[in-house]
Amino acid sequence: LDVHKDSIAVSLAPSDSTEVRRYGVLGGTHDDV
């Protein structure tokens, strides 16, 4: 989670792989997480 003032960028990394994938951007509230 890359947290900013109004948004959070999300990336995913499975344990069985060395690849990190960008998932997207969501709002910055607790409910969004």
Full PDB file with SEQRES, HELIX, SHEET, SSBOND, CRYST1, ORIGX, SCALE, CONECT and MASTER records, all heavy atoms in Angstrom:
SEQRES   1 A   33  LEU ASP VAL HIS LYS ASP SER ILE ALA VAL SER LEU ALA          
SEQRES   2 A   33  PRO SER ASP SER THR GLU VAL ARG ARG TYR GLY VAL LEU          
SEQRES   3 A   33  GLY GLY THR HIS ASP ASP VAL                                  
SHEET    1 AA1 3 ASP A   2  VAL A   3  0                                        
SHEET    2 AA1 3 SER A   7  LEU A  12 -1                                        
SHEET    3 AA1 3 ARG A  21  GLY A  27 -1                                        
CRYST1    1.000    1.000    1.000  90.00  90.00  90.00 P 1           1          
ORIGX1      1.000000  0.000000  0.000000        0.00000                         
ORIGX2      0.000000  1.000000  0.000000        0.00000                         
ORIGX3      0.000000  0.000000  1.000000        0.00000                         
SCALE1      1.000000  0.000000  0.000000        0.00000                         
SCALE2      0.000000  1.000000  0.000000        0.00000                         
SCALE3      0.000000  0.000000  1.000000        0.00000                         
ATOM      1  N   LEU A   1       0.849  -1.190   0.000  1.00  0.00           N  
ATOM      2  CA  LEU A   1       0.000   0.000   0.000  1.00  0.00           C  
ATOM      3  C   LEU A   1       0.888   1.245   0.000  1.00  0.00           C  
ATOM      4  O   LEU A   1       1.682   1.441   0.915  1.00  0.00           O  
ATOM      5  CB  LEU A   1      -0.915   0.013   1.227  1.00  0.00           C  
ATOM      6  CG  LEU A   1      -1.863  -1.171   1.394  1.00  0.00           C  
ATOM      7  CD1 LEU A   1      -2.607  -1.065   2.717  1.00  0.00           C  
ATOM      8  CD2 LEU A   1      -2.827  -1.239   0.240  1.00  0.00           C  
ATOM      9  N   ASP A   2       0.754   2.059  -1.041  1.00  0.00           N  
ATOM     10  CA  ASP A   2       1.466   3.330  -1.134  1.00  0.00           C  
ATOM     11  C   ASP A   2       0.450   4.414  -0.780  1.00  0.00           C  
ATOM     12  O   ASP A   2      -0.388   4.784  -1.596  1.00  0.00           O  
ATOM     13  CB  ASP A   2       2.020   3.512  -2.546  1.00  0.00           C  
ATOM     14  CG  ASP A   2       2.895   4.749  -2.665  1.00  0.00           C  
ATOM     15  OD1 ASP A   2       3.284   5.304  -1.613  1.00  0.00           O  
ATOM     16  OD2 ASP A   2       3.187   5.165  -3.803  1.00  0.00           O  
ATOM     17  N   VAL A   3       0.529   4.903   0.434  1.00  0.00           N  
ATOM     18  CA  VAL A   3      -0.506   5.782   0.982  1.00  0.00           C  
ATOM     19  C   VAL A   3      -0.178   7.238   0.669  1.00  0.00           C  
ATOM     20  O   VAL A   3       0.931   7.710   0.919  1.00  0.00           O  
ATOM     21  CB  VAL A   3      -0.630   5.577   2.506  1.00  0.00           C  
ATOM     22  CG1 VAL A   3      -1.694   6.476   3.091  1.00  0.00           C  
ATOM     23  CG2 VAL A   3      -0.929   4.124   2.811  1.00  0.00           C  
ATOM     24  N   HIS A   4      -1.170   7.946   0.116  1.00  0.00           N  
ATOM     25  CA  HIS A   4      -1.083   9.371  -0.159  1.00  0.00           C  
ATOM     26  C   HIS A   4      -2.190  10.076   0.614  1.00  0.00           C  
ATOM     27  O   HIS A   4      -2.977   9.436   1.313  1.00  0.00           O  
ATOM     28  CB  HIS A   4      -1.221   9.628  -1.664  1.00  0.00           C  
ATOM     29  CG  HIS A   4      -0.162   8.940  -2.463  1.00  0.00           C  
ATOM     30  ND1 HIS A   4       1.090   9.476  -2.655  1.00  0.00           N  
ATOM     31  CD2 HIS A   4      -0.154   7.743  -3.105  1.00  0.00           C  
ATOM     32  CE1 HIS A   4       1.827   8.653  -3.397  1.00  0.00           C  
ATOM     33  NE2 HIS A   4       1.085   7.588  -3.678  1.00  0.00           N  
ATOM     34  N   LYS A   5      -2.290  11.367   0.462  1.00  0.00           N  
ATOM     35  CA  LYS A   5      -3.271  12.141   1.219  1.00  0.00           C  
ATOM     36  C   LYS A   5      -4.702  11.726   0.885  1.00  0.00           C  
ATOM     37  O   LYS A   5      -5.524  11.534   1.780  1.00  0.00           O  
ATOM     38  CB  LYS A   5      -3.085  13.621   0.938  1.00  0.00           C  
ATOM     39  CG  LYS A   5      -3.975  14.522   1.751  1.00  0.00           C  
ATOM     40  CD  LYS A   5      -3.658  15.973   1.485  1.00  0.00           C  
ATOM     41  CE  LYS A   5      -4.570  16.871   2.301  1.00  0.00           C  
ATOM     42  NZ  LYS A   5      -4.285  18.281   2.027  1.00  0.00           N  
ATOM     43  N   ASP A   6      -5.029  11.583  -0.416  1.00  0.00           N  
ATOM     44  CA  ASP A   6      -6.402  11.294  -0.820  1.00  0.00           C  
ATOM     45  C   ASP A   6      -6.583   9.925  -1.459  1.00  0.00           C  
ATOM     46  O   ASP A   6      -7.695   9.572  -1.840  1.00  0.00           O  
ATOM     47  CB  ASP A   6      -6.889  12.352  -1.815  1.00  0.00           C  
ATOM     48  CG  ASP A   6      -7.007  13.724  -1.179  1.00  0.00           C  
ATOM     49  OD1 ASP A   6      -7.277  13.772   0.043  1.00  0.00           O  
ATOM     50  OD2 ASP A   6      -6.827  14.727  -1.888  1.00  0.00           O  
ATOM     51  N   SER A   7      -5.521   9.160  -1.622  1.00  0.00           N  
ATOM     52  CA  SER A   7      -5.643   7.880  -2.324  1.00  0.00           C  
ATOM     53  C   SER A   7      -4.603   6.896  -1.815  1.00  0.00           C  
ATOM     54  O   SER A   7      -3.651   7.269  -1.133  1.00  0.00           O  
ATOM     55  CB  SER A   7      -5.481   8.075  -3.834  1.00  0.00           C  
ATOM     56  OG  SER A   7      -4.171   8.532  -4.110  1.00  0.00           O  
ATOM     57  N   ILE A   8      -4.816   5.634  -2.184  1.00  0.00           N  
ATOM     58  CA  ILE A   8      -3.887   4.555  -1.837  1.00  0.00           C  
ATOM     59  C   ILE A   8      -3.663   3.727  -3.096  1.00  0.00           C  
ATOM     60  O   ILE A   8      -4.613   3.224  -3.686  1.00  0.00           O  
ATOM     61  CB  ILE A   8      -4.449   3.666  -0.706  1.00  0.00           C  
ATOM     62  CG1 ILE A   8      -4.704   4.492   0.551  1.00  0.00           C  
ATOM     63  CG2 ILE A   8      -3.509   2.507  -0.421  1.00  0.00           C  
ATOM     64  CD1 ILE A   8      -5.397   3.734   1.660  1.00  0.00           C  
ATOM     65  N   ALA A   9      -2.398   3.595  -3.506  1.00  0.00           N  
ATOM     66  CA  ALA A   9      -2.048   2.743  -4.640  1.00  0.00           C  
ATOM     67  C   ALA A   9      -1.755   1.345  -4.094  1.00  0.00           C  
ATOM     68  O   ALA A   9      -1.075   1.188  -3.084  1.00  0.00           O  
ATOM     69  CB  ALA A   9      -0.836   3.295  -5.372  1.00  0.00           C  
ATOM     70  N   VAL A  10      -2.277   0.322  -4.777  1.00  0.00           N  
ATOM     71  CA  VAL A  10      -2.181  -1.054  -4.288  1.00  0.00           C  
ATOM     72  C   VAL A  10      -1.397  -1.905  -5.284  1.00  0.00           C  
ATOM     73  O   VAL A  10      -1.637  -1.842  -6.484  1.00  0.00           O  
ATOM     74  CB  VAL A  10      -3.594  -1.660  -4.087  1.00  0.00           C  
ATOM     75  CG1 VAL A  10      -3.494  -3.072  -3.557  1.00  0.00           C  
ATOM     76  CG2 VAL A  10      -4.420  -0.793  -3.165  1.00  0.00           C  
ATOM     77  N   SER A  11      -0.457  -2.708  -4.759  1.00  0.00           N  
ATOM     78  CA  SER A  11       0.279  -3.690  -5.550  1.00  0.00           C  
ATOM     79  C   SER A  11       0.194  -5.030  -4.845  1.00  0.00           C  
ATOM     80  O   SER A  11       0.093  -5.103  -3.625  1.00  0.00           O  
ATOM     81  CB  SER A  11       1.740  -3.281  -5.706  1.00  0.00           C  
ATOM     82  OG  SER A  11       1.830  -2.085  -6.431  1.00  0.00           O  
ATOM     83  N   LEU A  12       0.244  -6.114  -5.630  1.00  0.00           N  
ATOM     84  CA  LEU A  12       0.138  -7.470  -5.088  1.00  0.00           C  
ATOM     85  C   LEU A  12       1.368  -8.277  -5.462  1.00  0.00           C  
ATOM     86  O   LEU A  12       1.879  -8.151  -6.579  1.00  0.00           O  
ATOM     87  CB  LEU A  12      -1.108  -8.165  -5.645  1.00  0.00           C  
ATOM     88  CG  LEU A  12      -2.437  -7.467  -5.425  1.00  0.00           C  
ATOM     89  CD1 LEU A  12      -3.548  -8.245  -6.122  1.00  0.00           C  
ATOM     90  CD2 LEU A  12      -2.733  -7.323  -3.953  1.00  0.00           C  
ATOM     91  N   ALA A  13       1.817  -9.126  -4.535  1.00  0.00           N  
ATOM     92  CA  ALA A  13       2.959 -10.000  -4.777  1.00  0.00           C  
ATOM     93  C   ALA A  13       2.658 -11.369  -4.179  1.00  0.00           C  
ATOM     94  O   ALA A  13       2.636 -11.524  -2.952  1.00  0.00           O  
ATOM     95  CB  ALA A  13       4.226  -9.421  -4.157  1.00  0.00           C  
ATOM     96  N   PRO A  14       2.394 -12.394  -5.010  1.00  0.00           N  
ATOM     97  CA  PRO A  14       2.175 -13.738  -4.481  1.00  0.00           C  
ATOM     98  C   PRO A  14       3.477 -14.320  -3.920  1.00  0.00           C  
ATOM     99  O   PRO A  14       4.567 -14.006  -4.400  1.00  0.00           O  
ATOM    100  CB  PRO A  14       1.708 -14.539  -5.694  1.00  0.00           C  
ATOM    101  CG  PRO A  14       1.526 -13.568  -6.804  1.00  0.00           C  
ATOM    102  CD  PRO A  14       2.201 -12.310  -6.436  1.00  0.00           C  
ATOM    103  N   SER A  15       3.352 -15.169  -2.901  1.00  0.00           N  
ATOM    104  CA  SER A  15       4.546 -15.742  -2.274  1.00  0.00           C  
ATOM    105  C   SER A  15       5.256 -16.745  -3.167  1.00  0.00           C  
ATOM    106  O   SER A  15       6.438 -16.997  -2.993  1.00  0.00           O  
ATOM    107  CB  SER A  15       4.172 -16.414  -0.951  1.00  0.00           C  
ATOM    108  OG  SER A  15       3.257 -17.478  -1.192  1.00  0.00           O  
ATOM    109  N   ASP A  16       4.545 -17.324  -4.150  1.00  0.00           N  
ATOM    110  CA  ASP A  16       5.166 -18.331  -5.004  1.00  0.00           C  
ATOM    111  C   ASP A  16       5.743 -17.729  -6.283  1.00  0.00           C  
ATOM    112  O   ASP A  16       6.049 -18.439  -7.227  1.00  0.00           O  
ATOM    113  CB  ASP A  16       4.152 -19.423  -5.348  1.00  0.00           C  
ATOM    114  CG  ASP A  16       2.901 -18.868  -6.011  1.00  0.00           C  
ATOM    115  OD1 ASP A  16       2.771 -17.631  -6.079  1.00  0.00           O  
ATOM    116  OD2 ASP A  16       2.063 -19.670  -6.447  1.00  0.00           O  
ATOM    117  N   SER A  17       5.907 -16.405  -6.332  1.00  0.00           N  
ATOM    118  CA  SER A  17       6.416 -15.743  -7.526  1.00  0.00           C  
ATOM    119  C   SER A  17       7.297 -14.569  -7.109  1.00  0.00           C  
ATOM    120  O   SER A  17       7.203 -14.071  -5.995  1.00  0.00           O  
ATOM    121  CB  SER A  17       5.247 -15.242  -8.383  1.00  0.00           C  
ATOM    122  OG  SER A  17       5.709 -14.477  -9.462  1.00  0.00           O  
ATOM    123  N   THR A  18       8.149 -14.121  -8.020  1.00  0.00           N  
ATOM    124  CA  THR A  18       8.979 -12.950  -7.747  1.00  0.00           C  
ATOM    125  C   THR A  18       8.383 -11.700  -8.383  1.00  0.00           C  
ATOM    126  O   THR A  18       8.952 -10.628  -8.277  1.00  0.00           O  
ATOM    127  CB  THR A  18      10.392 -13.159  -8.293  1.00  0.00           C  
ATOM    128  OG1 THR A  18      10.311 -13.404  -9.704  1.00  0.00           O  
ATOM    129  CG2 THR A  18      11.077 -14.314  -7.597  1.00  0.00           C  
ATOM    130  N   GLU A  19       7.229 -11.833  -9.033  1.00  0.00           N  
ATOM    131  CA  GLU A  19       6.608 -10.729  -9.740  1.00  0.00           C  
ATOM    132  C   GLU A  19       5.704  -9.921  -8.813  1.00  0.00           C  
ATOM    133  O   GLU A  19       4.968 -10.475  -8.004  1.00  0.00           O  
ATOM    134  CB  GLU A  19       5.764 -11.274 -10.891  1.00  0.00           C  
ATOM    135  CG  GLU A  19       5.094 -10.214 -11.722  1.00  0.00           C  
ATOM    136  CD  GLU A  19       4.233 -10.811 -12.820  1.00  0.00           C  
ATOM    137  OE1 GLU A  19       4.191 -12.039 -12.946  1.00  0.00           O  
ATOM    138  OE2 GLU A  19       3.612 -10.032 -13.531  1.00  0.00           O  
ATOM    139  N   VAL A  20       5.769  -8.602  -8.951  1.00  0.00           N  
ATOM    140  CA  VAL A  20       4.879  -7.696  -8.231  1.00  0.00           C  
ATOM    141  C   VAL A  20       3.951  -7.070  -9.260  1.00  0.00           C  
ATOM    142  O   VAL A  20       4.399  -6.539 -10.266  1.00  0.00           O  
ATOM    143  CB  VAL A  20       5.662  -6.600  -7.486  1.00  0.00           C  
ATOM    144  CG1 VAL A  20       4.726  -5.616  -6.813  1.00  0.00           C  
ATOM    145  CG2 VAL A  20       6.597  -7.226  -6.470  1.00  0.00           C  
ATOM    146  N   ARG A  21       2.635  -7.166  -9.020  1.00  0.00           N  
ATOM    147  CA  ARG A  21       1.637  -6.647  -9.964  1.00  0.00           C  
ATOM    148  C   ARG A  21       0.944  -5.435  -9.372  1.00  0.00           C  
ATOM    149  O   ARG A  21       0.592  -5.433  -8.199  1.00  0.00           O  
ATOM    150  CB  ARG A  21       0.582  -7.711 -10.273  1.00  0.00           C  
ATOM    151  CG  ARG A  21       1.134  -8.946 -10.952  1.00  0.00           C  
ATOM    152  CD  ARG A  21       0.048  -9.963 -11.141  1.00  0.00           C  
ATOM    153  NE  ARG A  21      -0.286 -10.542  -9.835  1.00  0.00           N  
ATOM    154  CZ  ARG A  21      -1.443 -11.104  -9.556  1.00  0.00           C  
ATOM    155  NH1 ARG A  21      -2.390 -11.160 -10.439  1.00  0.00           N  
ATOM    156  NH2 ARG A  21      -1.658 -11.612  -8.356  1.00  0.00           N  
ATOM    157  N   ARG A  22       0.721  -4.432 -10.189  1.00  0.00           N  
ATOM    158  CA  ARG A  22      -0.053  -3.273  -9.767  1.00  0.00           C  
ATOM    159  C   ARG A  22      -1.521  -3.644  -9.816  1.00  0.00           C  
ATOM    160  O   ARG A  22      -2.013  -4.149 -10.823  1.00  0.00           O  
ATOM    161  CB  ARG A  22       0.226  -2.097 -10.685  1.00  0.00           C  
ATOM    162  CG  ARG A  22      -0.518  -0.857 -10.282  1.00  0.00           C  
ATOM    163  CD  ARG A  22      -0.249   0.262 -11.270  1.00  0.00           C  
ATOM    164  NE  ARG A  22      -1.230   1.309 -11.088  1.00  0.00           N  
ATOM    165  CZ  ARG A  22      -1.005   2.432 -10.436  1.00  0.00           C  
ATOM    166  NH1 ARG A  22       0.172   2.633  -9.918  1.00  0.00           N  
ATOM    167  NH2 ARG A  22      -1.958   3.328 -10.311  1.00  0.00           N  
ATOM    168  N   TYR A  23      -2.244  -3.416  -8.732  1.00  0.00           N  
ATOM    169  CA  TYR A  23      -3.665  -3.749  -8.661  1.00  0.00           C  
ATOM    170  C   TYR A  23      -4.522  -2.549  -9.028  1.00  0.00           C  
ATOM    171  O   TYR A  23      -5.497  -2.686  -9.737  1.00  0.00           O  
ATOM    172  CB  TYR A  23      -4.016  -4.240  -7.255  1.00  0.00           C  
ATOM    173  CG  TYR A  23      -5.441  -4.687  -7.098  1.00  0.00           C  
ATOM    174  CD1 TYR A  23      -5.858  -5.915  -7.590  1.00  0.00           C  
ATOM    175  CD2 TYR A  23      -6.372  -3.888  -6.463  1.00  0.00           C  
ATOM    176  CE1 TYR A  23      -7.163  -6.335  -7.448  1.00  0.00           C  
ATOM    177  CE2 TYR A  23      -7.681  -4.295  -6.313  1.00  0.00           C  
ATOM    178  CZ  TYR A  23      -8.072  -5.512  -6.814  1.00  0.00           C  
ATOM    179  OH  TYR A  23      -9.370  -5.926  -6.675  1.00  0.00           O  
ATOM    180  N   GLY A  24      -4.174  -1.372  -8.544  1.00  0.00           N  
ATOM    181  CA  GLY A  24      -4.942  -0.180  -8.861  1.00  0.00           C  
ATOM    182  C   GLY A  24      -4.856   0.854  -7.757  1.00  0.00           C  
ATOM    183  O   GLY A  24      -4.043   0.752  -6.846  1.00  0.00           O  
ATOM    184  N   VAL A  25      -5.721   1.862  -7.856  1.00  0.00           N  
ATOM    185  CA  VAL A  25      -5.756   2.958  -6.891  1.00  0.00           C  
ATOM    186  C   VAL A  25      -7.151   2.994  -6.277  1.00  0.00           C  
ATOM    187  O   VAL A  25      -8.154   2.812  -6.967  1.00  0.00           O  
ATOM    188  CB  VAL A  25      -5.446   4.302  -7.595  1.00  0.00           C  
ATOM    189  CG1 VAL A  25      -5.512   5.454  -6.610  1.00  0.00           C  
ATOM    190  CG2 VAL A  25      -4.083   4.254  -8.251  1.00  0.00           C  
ATOM    191  N   LEU A  26      -7.212   3.211  -4.977  1.00  0.00           N  
ATOM    192  CA  LEU A  26      -8.499   3.320  -4.302  1.00  0.00           C  
ATOM    193  C   LEU A  26      -8.510   4.555  -3.424  1.00  0.00           C  
ATOM    194  O   LEU A  26      -7.486   5.216  -3.273  1.00  0.00           O  
ATOM    195  CB  LEU A  26      -8.809   2.063  -3.482  1.00  0.00           C  
ATOM    196  CG  LEU A  26      -7.809   1.663  -2.402  1.00  0.00           C  
ATOM    197  CD1 LEU A  26      -8.537   1.388  -1.115  1.00  0.00           C  
ATOM    198  CD2 LEU A  26      -7.123   0.406  -2.864  1.00  0.00           C  
ATOM    199  N   GLY A  27      -9.668   4.869  -2.873  1.00  0.00           N  
ATOM    200  CA  GLY A  27      -9.800   6.032  -1.999  1.00  0.00           C  
ATOM    201  C   GLY A  27      -8.986   5.875  -0.729  1.00  0.00           C  
ATOM    202  O   GLY A  27      -8.482   4.796  -0.416  1.00  0.00           O  
ATOM    203  N   GLY A  28      -8.852   6.940   0.012  1.00  0.00           N  
ATOM    204  CA  GLY A  28      -7.983   6.922   1.180  1.00  0.00           C  
ATOM    205  C   GLY A  28      -8.676   6.664   2.497  1.00  0.00           C  
ATOM    206  O   GLY A  28      -8.109   6.921   3.542  1.00  0.00           O  
ATOM    207  N   THR A  29      -9.896   6.123   2.487  1.00  0.00           N  
ATOM    208  CA  THR A  29     -10.616   5.898   3.742  1.00  0.00           C  
ATOM    209  C   THR A  29     -10.433   4.467   4.234  1.00  0.00           C  
ATOM    210  O   THR A  29     -10.034   3.575   3.491  1.00  0.00           O  
ATOM    211  CB  THR A  29     -12.124   6.179   3.578  1.00  0.00           C  
ATOM    212  OG1 THR A  29     -12.677   5.209   2.693  1.00  0.00           O  
ATOM    213  CG2 THR A  29     -12.359   7.584   3.045  1.00  0.00           C  
ATOM    214  N   HIS A  30     -10.761   4.288   5.494  1.00  0.00           N  
ATOM    215  CA  HIS A  30     -10.682   2.970   6.127  1.00  0.00           C  
ATOM    216  C   HIS A  30     -11.640   1.983   5.444  1.00  0.00           C  
ATOM    217  O   HIS A  30     -11.295   0.811   5.251  1.00  0.00           O  
ATOM    218  CB  HIS A  30     -11.002   3.103   7.615  1.00  0.00           C  
ATOM    219  CG  HIS A  30     -10.905   1.824   8.378  1.00  0.00           C  
ATOM    220  ND1 HIS A  30      -9.703   1.203   8.636  1.00  0.00           N  
ATOM    221  CD2 HIS A  30     -11.855   1.038   8.932  1.00  0.00           C  
ATOM    222  CE1 HIS A  30      -9.926   0.094   9.311  1.00  0.00           C  
ATOM    223  NE2 HIS A  30     -11.223  -0.035   9.514  1.00  0.00           N  
ATOM    224  N   ASP A  31     -12.817   2.442   5.076  1.00  0.00           N  
ATOM    225  CA  ASP A  31     -13.799   1.575   4.414  1.00  0.00           C  
ATOM    226  C   ASP A  31     -13.293   1.074   3.064  1.00  0.00           C  
ATOM    227  O   ASP A  31     -13.587  -0.054   2.669  1.00  0.00           O  
ATOM    228  CB  ASP A  31     -15.118   2.316   4.228  1.00  0.00           C  
ATOM    229  CG  ASP A  31     -15.819   2.589   5.551  1.00  0.00           C  
ATOM    230  OD1 ASP A  31     -15.560   1.835   6.513  1.00  0.00           O  
ATOM    231  OD2 ASP A  31     -16.599   3.556   5.614  1.00  0.00           O  
ATOM    232  N   ASP A  32     -12.536   1.913   2.354  1.00  0.00           N  
ATOM    233  CA  ASP A  32     -11.968   1.486   1.074  1.00  0.00           C  
ATOM    234  C   ASP A  32     -10.984   0.338   1.259  1.00  0.00           C  
ATOM    235  O   ASP A  32     -10.947  -0.607   0.476  1.00  0.00           O  
ATOM    236  CB  ASP A  32     -11.274   2.654   0.379  1.00  0.00           C  
ATOM    237  CG  ASP A  32     -12.239   3.746  -0.033  1.00  0.00           C  
ATOM    238  OD1 ASP A  32     -13.398   3.421  -0.347  1.00  0.00           O  
ATOM    239  OD2 ASP A  32     -11.827   4.925  -0.043  1.00  0.00           O  
ATOM    240  N   VAL A  33     -10.185   0.403   2.306  1.00  0.00           N  
ATOM    241  CA  VAL A  33      -9.211  -0.662   2.574  1.00  0.00           C  
ATOM    242  C   VAL A  33      -9.933  -1.941   2.995  1.00  0.00           C  
ATOM    243  O   VAL A  33      -9.553  -3.039   2.578  1.00  0.00           O  
ATOM    244  CB  VAL A  33      -8.197  -0.214   3.644  1.00  0.00           C  
ATOM    245  CG1 VAL A  33      -7.235  -1.329   3.989  1.00  0.00           C  
ATOM    246  CG2 VAL A  33      -7.433   1.015   3.167  1.00  0.00           C  
TER     247      VAL A  33                                                      
MASTER        0    0    0    0    3    0    0    6  246    1    0    3          
END                                                                             
